[in-house]
N, C-alpha and C. Protein backbone atom coordinates (compact mmCIF):
# COMPACT_ATOMS: atom_id res chain seq x y z
N UNK A 1 63.22 1.85 8.69
CA UNK A 1 61.80 1.88 8.44
C UNK A 1 61.41 3.08 7.58
N UNK A 2 62.37 3.95 7.30
CA UNK A 2 62.09 5.11 6.48
C UNK A 2 61.63 4.72 5.09
N UNK A 3 62.12 3.62 4.55
CA UNK A 3 61.73 3.18 3.21
C UNK A 3 60.25 2.79 3.17
N UNK A 4 59.84 1.99 4.15
CA UNK A 4 58.44 1.58 4.22
C UNK A 4 57.55 2.77 4.48
N UNK A 5 57.95 3.63 5.41
CA UNK A 5 57.18 4.82 5.74
C UNK A 5 56.98 5.70 4.52
N UNK A 6 58.02 5.88 3.74
CA UNK A 6 57.91 6.69 2.52
C UNK A 6 56.83 6.13 1.60
N UNK A 7 56.90 4.83 1.32
CA UNK A 7 55.96 4.22 0.38
C UNK A 7 54.52 4.30 0.90
N UNK A 8 54.34 4.15 2.20
CA UNK A 8 53.00 4.27 2.79
C UNK A 8 52.50 5.71 2.67
N UNK A 9 53.34 6.67 3.03
CA UNK A 9 52.90 8.06 3.03
C UNK A 9 52.58 8.61 1.64
N UNK A 10 53.34 8.21 0.62
CA UNK A 10 53.06 8.75 -0.72
C UNK A 10 51.84 8.09 -1.36
N UNK A 11 51.39 6.99 -0.79
CA UNK A 11 50.22 6.31 -1.34
C UNK A 11 48.98 6.54 -0.48
N UNK A 12 48.94 5.99 0.71
CA UNK A 12 47.74 6.13 1.55
C UNK A 12 47.77 7.36 2.43
N UNK A 13 48.90 8.04 2.50
CA UNK A 13 49.01 9.26 3.30
C UNK A 13 49.59 9.01 4.68
N UNK A 14 49.61 10.08 5.45
CA UNK A 14 50.13 9.99 6.81
C UNK A 14 49.07 9.38 7.71
N UNK A 15 49.43 9.10 8.93
CA UNK A 15 48.47 8.55 9.87
C UNK A 15 48.64 7.05 10.08
N UNK A 16 49.58 6.44 9.42
CA UNK A 16 49.81 5.00 9.58
C UNK A 16 51.09 4.70 10.36
N UNK A 17 51.69 5.72 10.98
CA UNK A 17 52.96 5.53 11.67
C UNK A 17 52.87 4.50 12.79
N UNK A 18 51.74 4.47 13.52
CA UNK A 18 51.59 3.52 14.61
C UNK A 18 51.58 2.08 14.09
N UNK A 19 50.93 1.85 12.96
CA UNK A 19 50.91 0.52 12.36
C UNK A 19 52.34 0.11 11.97
N UNK A 20 53.05 1.02 11.36
CA UNK A 20 54.41 0.73 10.94
C UNK A 20 55.29 0.43 12.14
N UNK A 21 55.22 1.25 13.18
CA UNK A 21 56.01 1.02 14.39
C UNK A 21 55.66 -0.32 15.04
N UNK A 22 54.36 -0.62 15.13
CA UNK A 22 53.93 -1.87 15.75
C UNK A 22 54.45 -3.08 15.00
N UNK A 23 54.31 -3.07 13.67
CA UNK A 23 54.79 -4.21 12.87
C UNK A 23 56.30 -4.34 12.96
N UNK A 24 57.01 -3.24 12.92
CA UNK A 24 58.48 -3.28 13.02
C UNK A 24 58.90 -3.83 14.39
N UNK A 25 58.23 -3.40 15.43
CA UNK A 25 58.55 -3.88 16.77
C UNK A 25 58.26 -5.38 16.93
N UNK A 26 57.12 -5.82 16.40
CA UNK A 26 56.76 -7.24 16.50
C UNK A 26 57.77 -8.09 15.74
N UNK A 27 58.19 -7.65 14.56
CA UNK A 27 59.17 -8.41 13.78
C UNK A 27 60.52 -8.44 14.48
N UNK A 28 60.93 -7.30 15.07
CA UNK A 28 62.20 -7.26 15.82
C UNK A 28 62.17 -8.26 16.96
N UNK A 29 61.07 -8.28 17.71
CA UNK A 29 60.94 -9.20 18.84
C UNK A 29 61.04 -10.63 18.34
N UNK A 30 60.34 -10.95 17.27
CA UNK A 30 60.36 -12.30 16.73
C UNK A 30 61.77 -12.69 16.25
N UNK A 31 62.40 -11.81 15.49
CA UNK A 31 63.72 -12.13 14.93
C UNK A 31 64.82 -12.12 15.98
N UNK A 32 64.58 -11.53 17.12
CA UNK A 32 65.58 -11.50 18.18
C UNK A 32 65.42 -12.63 19.19
N UNK A 33 64.46 -13.51 18.99
CA UNK A 33 64.30 -14.67 19.86
C UNK A 33 65.56 -15.53 19.80
N UNK A 34 65.92 -16.16 20.94
CA UNK A 34 67.15 -16.98 20.97
C UNK A 34 67.19 -18.09 19.93
N UNK A 35 66.05 -18.67 19.59
CA UNK A 35 66.05 -19.78 18.63
C UNK A 35 65.80 -19.34 17.19
N UNK A 36 65.78 -18.04 16.95
CA UNK A 36 65.54 -17.53 15.59
C UNK A 36 66.77 -17.78 14.72
N UNK A 37 66.49 -18.13 13.49
CA UNK A 37 67.57 -18.32 12.51
C UNK A 37 68.06 -16.93 12.11
N UNK A 38 69.36 -16.81 11.82
CA UNK A 38 69.91 -15.52 11.45
C UNK A 38 69.11 -14.87 10.31
N UNK A 39 68.76 -13.62 10.50
CA UNK A 39 68.01 -12.86 9.51
C UNK A 39 68.76 -11.57 9.27
N UNK A 40 69.01 -11.24 8.01
CA UNK A 40 69.69 -9.99 7.73
C UNK A 40 68.69 -8.85 7.64
N UNK A 41 69.18 -7.63 7.53
CA UNK A 41 68.32 -6.46 7.55
C UNK A 41 67.38 -6.42 6.35
N UNK A 42 67.79 -6.93 5.21
CA UNK A 42 66.91 -6.95 4.04
C UNK A 42 65.71 -7.87 4.26
N UNK A 43 65.96 -9.03 4.87
CA UNK A 43 64.87 -9.96 5.17
C UNK A 43 63.91 -9.36 6.19
N UNK A 44 64.47 -8.70 7.20
CA UNK A 44 63.66 -8.04 8.21
C UNK A 44 62.76 -6.97 7.57
N UNK A 45 63.34 -6.12 6.76
CA UNK A 45 62.59 -5.04 6.11
C UNK A 45 61.52 -5.61 5.18
N UNK A 46 61.85 -6.66 4.45
CA UNK A 46 60.90 -7.31 3.55
C UNK A 46 59.70 -7.82 4.36
N UNK A 47 59.98 -8.48 5.48
CA UNK A 47 58.90 -9.05 6.30
C UNK A 47 58.03 -7.94 6.87
N UNK A 48 58.62 -6.85 7.34
CA UNK A 48 57.84 -5.74 7.89
C UNK A 48 56.93 -5.17 6.79
N UNK A 49 57.47 -4.93 5.60
CA UNK A 49 56.67 -4.40 4.49
C UNK A 49 55.54 -5.35 4.13
N UNK A 50 55.82 -6.66 4.11
CA UNK A 50 54.78 -7.64 3.80
C UNK A 50 53.66 -7.62 4.86
N UNK A 51 54.04 -7.51 6.12
CA UNK A 51 53.05 -7.50 7.19
C UNK A 51 52.19 -6.23 7.14
N UNK A 52 52.81 -5.12 6.82
CA UNK A 52 52.04 -3.87 6.69
C UNK A 52 51.08 -3.99 5.51
N UNK A 53 51.56 -4.55 4.41
CA UNK A 53 50.70 -4.75 3.25
C UNK A 53 49.52 -5.65 3.62
N UNK A 54 49.79 -6.73 4.33
CA UNK A 54 48.72 -7.63 4.73
C UNK A 54 47.72 -6.94 5.64
N UNK A 55 48.21 -6.13 6.55
CA UNK A 55 47.32 -5.35 7.43
C UNK A 55 46.42 -4.42 6.61
N UNK A 56 47.00 -3.71 5.65
CA UNK A 56 46.21 -2.80 4.81
C UNK A 56 45.13 -3.56 4.04
N UNK A 57 45.45 -4.76 3.57
CA UNK A 57 44.47 -5.55 2.82
C UNK A 57 43.40 -6.09 3.77
N UNK A 58 43.82 -6.70 4.86
CA UNK A 58 42.87 -7.33 5.80
C UNK A 58 41.93 -6.33 6.46
N UNK A 59 42.44 -5.14 6.76
CA UNK A 59 41.65 -4.13 7.48
C UNK A 59 41.00 -3.13 6.54
N UNK A 60 41.06 -3.39 5.25
CA UNK A 60 40.43 -2.55 4.23
C UNK A 60 40.92 -1.11 4.25
N UNK A 61 42.19 -0.92 4.65
CA UNK A 61 42.80 0.39 4.52
C UNK A 61 42.94 0.69 3.03
N UNK A 62 43.45 -0.29 2.29
CA UNK A 62 43.59 -0.22 0.84
C UNK A 62 43.81 -1.65 0.37
N UNK A 63 42.81 -2.26 -0.25
CA UNK A 63 42.88 -3.69 -0.57
C UNK A 63 43.80 -4.03 -1.74
N UNK A 64 44.31 -3.03 -2.41
CA UNK A 64 45.28 -3.30 -3.49
C UNK A 64 46.60 -2.58 -3.25
N UNK A 65 46.91 -2.27 -1.99
CA UNK A 65 48.12 -1.50 -1.69
C UNK A 65 49.36 -2.33 -1.89
N UNK A 66 50.37 -1.74 -2.51
CA UNK A 66 50.30 -0.60 -3.40
C UNK A 66 49.76 -1.04 -4.75
N UNK A 67 48.86 -0.27 -5.30
CA UNK A 67 48.16 -0.65 -6.52
C UNK A 67 49.10 -0.68 -7.72
N UNK A 68 48.99 -1.73 -8.51
CA UNK A 68 49.80 -1.86 -9.73
C UNK A 68 49.44 -0.74 -10.70
N UNK A 69 50.41 0.07 -11.12
CA UNK A 69 50.11 1.14 -12.05
C UNK A 69 49.87 0.65 -13.48
N UNK A 70 50.21 -0.59 -13.75
CA UNK A 70 50.04 -1.15 -15.09
C UNK A 70 48.64 -1.70 -15.30
N UNK A 71 48.01 -2.19 -14.23
CA UNK A 71 46.70 -2.83 -14.35
C UNK A 71 45.62 -2.19 -13.48
N UNK A 72 45.99 -1.58 -12.37
CA UNK A 72 45.09 -0.88 -11.45
C UNK A 72 44.00 -1.79 -10.86
N UNK A 73 44.24 -3.08 -10.81
CA UNK A 73 43.24 -3.97 -10.22
C UNK A 73 43.84 -4.99 -9.26
N UNK A 74 45.14 -4.90 -9.05
CA UNK A 74 45.79 -5.81 -8.11
C UNK A 74 46.99 -5.09 -7.49
N UNK A 75 47.46 -5.60 -6.36
CA UNK A 75 48.61 -4.96 -5.73
C UNK A 75 49.93 -5.37 -6.38
N UNK A 76 50.93 -4.54 -6.15
CA UNK A 76 52.30 -4.93 -6.43
C UNK A 76 52.74 -5.80 -5.25
N UNK A 77 53.70 -6.67 -5.48
CA UNK A 77 54.23 -7.51 -4.40
C UNK A 77 55.72 -7.27 -4.30
N UNK A 78 56.24 -7.36 -3.10
CA UNK A 78 57.65 -7.08 -2.85
C UNK A 78 58.50 -8.33 -3.10
N UNK A 79 59.43 -8.21 -4.04
CA UNK A 79 60.37 -9.30 -4.36
C UNK A 79 61.76 -8.70 -4.46
N UNK A 80 62.67 -9.26 -3.69
CA UNK A 80 64.06 -8.84 -3.72
C UNK A 80 64.20 -7.32 -3.61
N UNK A 81 63.40 -6.73 -2.73
CA UNK A 81 63.52 -5.31 -2.46
C UNK A 81 62.84 -4.39 -3.46
N UNK A 82 62.06 -4.95 -4.39
CA UNK A 82 61.37 -4.11 -5.38
C UNK A 82 59.90 -4.47 -5.43
N UNK A 83 59.06 -3.42 -5.56
CA UNK A 83 57.63 -3.63 -5.79
C UNK A 83 57.47 -4.11 -7.21
N UNK A 84 56.77 -5.25 -7.37
CA UNK A 84 56.74 -5.95 -8.65
C UNK A 84 55.32 -6.31 -9.06
N UNK A 85 55.03 -6.14 -10.35
CA UNK A 85 53.78 -6.64 -10.93
C UNK A 85 54.06 -8.12 -11.24
N UNK A 86 53.40 -9.01 -10.49
CA UNK A 86 53.64 -10.44 -10.70
C UNK A 86 53.04 -10.93 -12.01
N UNK A 87 51.99 -10.29 -12.48
CA UNK A 87 51.36 -10.74 -13.74
C UNK A 87 52.30 -10.57 -14.92
N UNK A 88 53.14 -9.54 -14.89
CA UNK A 88 54.05 -9.29 -16.00
C UNK A 88 55.51 -9.49 -15.64
N UNK A 89 55.78 -9.84 -14.36
CA UNK A 89 57.16 -9.96 -13.87
C UNK A 89 57.95 -8.69 -14.12
N UNK A 90 57.33 -7.55 -13.83
CA UNK A 90 57.96 -6.25 -14.05
C UNK A 90 58.19 -5.56 -12.71
N UNK A 91 59.42 -5.16 -12.48
CA UNK A 91 59.75 -4.39 -11.29
C UNK A 91 59.34 -2.94 -11.54
N UNK A 92 58.55 -2.38 -10.62
CA UNK A 92 58.04 -1.02 -10.79
C UNK A 92 58.88 0.00 -10.04
N UNK A 93 59.24 -0.32 -8.81
CA UNK A 93 60.05 0.60 -7.98
C UNK A 93 60.70 -0.17 -6.86
N UNK A 94 61.83 0.31 -6.43
CA UNK A 94 62.47 -0.27 -5.24
C UNK A 94 61.69 0.15 -4.00
N UNK A 95 61.78 -0.65 -2.96
CA UNK A 95 61.15 -0.29 -1.69
C UNK A 95 61.68 1.06 -1.26
N UNK A 96 60.78 1.95 -0.90
CA UNK A 96 61.16 3.30 -0.49
C UNK A 96 61.25 4.29 -1.62
N UNK A 97 60.95 3.86 -2.85
CA UNK A 97 61.06 4.74 -4.00
C UNK A 97 59.78 4.86 -4.81
N UNK A 98 58.62 4.50 -4.22
CA UNK A 98 57.37 4.71 -4.93
C UNK A 98 57.17 6.20 -5.16
N UNK A 99 56.73 6.55 -6.36
CA UNK A 99 56.39 7.94 -6.67
C UNK A 99 54.93 7.94 -7.13
N UNK A 100 54.20 8.97 -6.69
CA UNK A 100 52.79 8.99 -7.02
C UNK A 100 52.34 10.36 -7.50
N UNK A 101 51.20 10.34 -8.13
CA UNK A 101 50.45 11.53 -8.47
C UNK A 101 49.02 11.22 -8.03
N UNK A 102 48.18 12.22 -7.97
CA UNK A 102 46.79 11.98 -7.57
C UNK A 102 45.85 12.35 -8.70
N UNK A 103 44.82 11.50 -8.89
CA UNK A 103 43.85 11.78 -9.94
C UNK A 103 42.82 12.78 -9.43
N UNK A 104 41.84 13.11 -10.26
CA UNK A 104 40.86 14.14 -9.90
C UNK A 104 40.01 13.74 -8.70
N UNK A 105 39.90 12.45 -8.41
CA UNK A 105 39.14 12.00 -7.24
C UNK A 105 40.00 11.95 -5.99
N UNK A 106 41.29 12.27 -6.13
CA UNK A 106 42.19 12.27 -4.98
C UNK A 106 42.87 10.95 -4.71
N UNK A 107 42.61 9.93 -5.54
CA UNK A 107 43.28 8.64 -5.35
C UNK A 107 44.70 8.71 -5.91
N UNK A 108 45.59 7.97 -5.25
CA UNK A 108 46.97 7.96 -5.74
C UNK A 108 47.09 7.09 -6.98
N UNK A 109 48.05 7.45 -7.82
CA UNK A 109 48.46 6.63 -8.96
C UNK A 109 49.97 6.57 -8.91
N UNK A 110 50.50 5.36 -8.89
CA UNK A 110 51.93 5.19 -8.87
C UNK A 110 52.49 5.58 -10.23
N UNK A 111 53.53 6.39 -10.22
CA UNK A 111 54.18 6.87 -11.43
C UNK A 111 55.34 5.92 -11.74
N UNK A 112 55.39 5.47 -12.97
CA UNK A 112 56.43 4.54 -13.40
C UNK A 112 57.40 5.28 -14.29
N UNK A 113 58.68 5.20 -13.95
CA UNK A 113 59.74 5.79 -14.77
C UNK A 113 60.27 4.69 -15.69
N UNK A 114 59.72 4.61 -16.88
CA UNK A 114 60.08 3.53 -17.79
C UNK A 114 61.52 3.61 -18.29
N UNK A 115 62.16 4.76 -18.17
CA UNK A 115 63.52 4.92 -18.65
C UNK A 115 64.57 4.59 -17.60
N UNK A 116 64.14 4.30 -16.38
CA UNK A 116 65.09 4.04 -15.31
C UNK A 116 65.72 2.66 -15.49
N UNK A 117 67.05 2.60 -15.57
CA UNK A 117 67.70 1.31 -15.80
C UNK A 117 67.50 0.36 -14.62
N UNK A 118 67.38 -0.92 -14.94
CA UNK A 118 67.31 -1.94 -13.89
C UNK A 118 65.93 -2.15 -13.29
N UNK A 119 64.92 -1.46 -13.74
CA UNK A 119 63.60 -1.65 -13.16
C UNK A 119 62.60 -2.17 -14.18
N UNK A 120 63.06 -2.88 -15.18
CA UNK A 120 62.13 -3.34 -16.20
C UNK A 120 61.71 -4.78 -16.03
N UNK A 121 62.53 -5.65 -15.52
CA UNK A 121 62.15 -7.04 -15.37
C UNK A 121 62.50 -7.56 -13.99
N UNK A 122 61.64 -8.41 -13.49
CA UNK A 122 61.85 -8.99 -12.18
C UNK A 122 63.05 -9.96 -12.22
N UNK A 123 63.89 -9.87 -11.21
CA UNK A 123 65.06 -10.77 -11.13
C UNK A 123 64.76 -11.84 -10.11
N UNK A 124 64.06 -12.85 -10.50
CA UNK A 124 63.71 -13.94 -9.56
C UNK A 124 64.75 -15.01 -9.59
């Protein structure tokens, strides 16, 4: 859960640990049911991150979390372990590797390392 926690803390800040723990626990309980289909750790982590994202949107914690640094009007979505701009099919950062800076109003802005290999196009 350190990967999800990192991305939450560098964007919306600390104070969301209980939400992260609750979602992780609920997913573990669900995936450990006797009739559950085998789920690997990547699928589990993806589902936890998606549920946290949905919680942030539904509860107005941050309705575009994590905000796309290319457009700033929609969220990035998690695909194959990477936060991705679906409008451009561009991978921005791997889960757990969001980097941010803050603007003069204190809002986070995700920093994109355009020179980093392997993070330029979505691999769907």
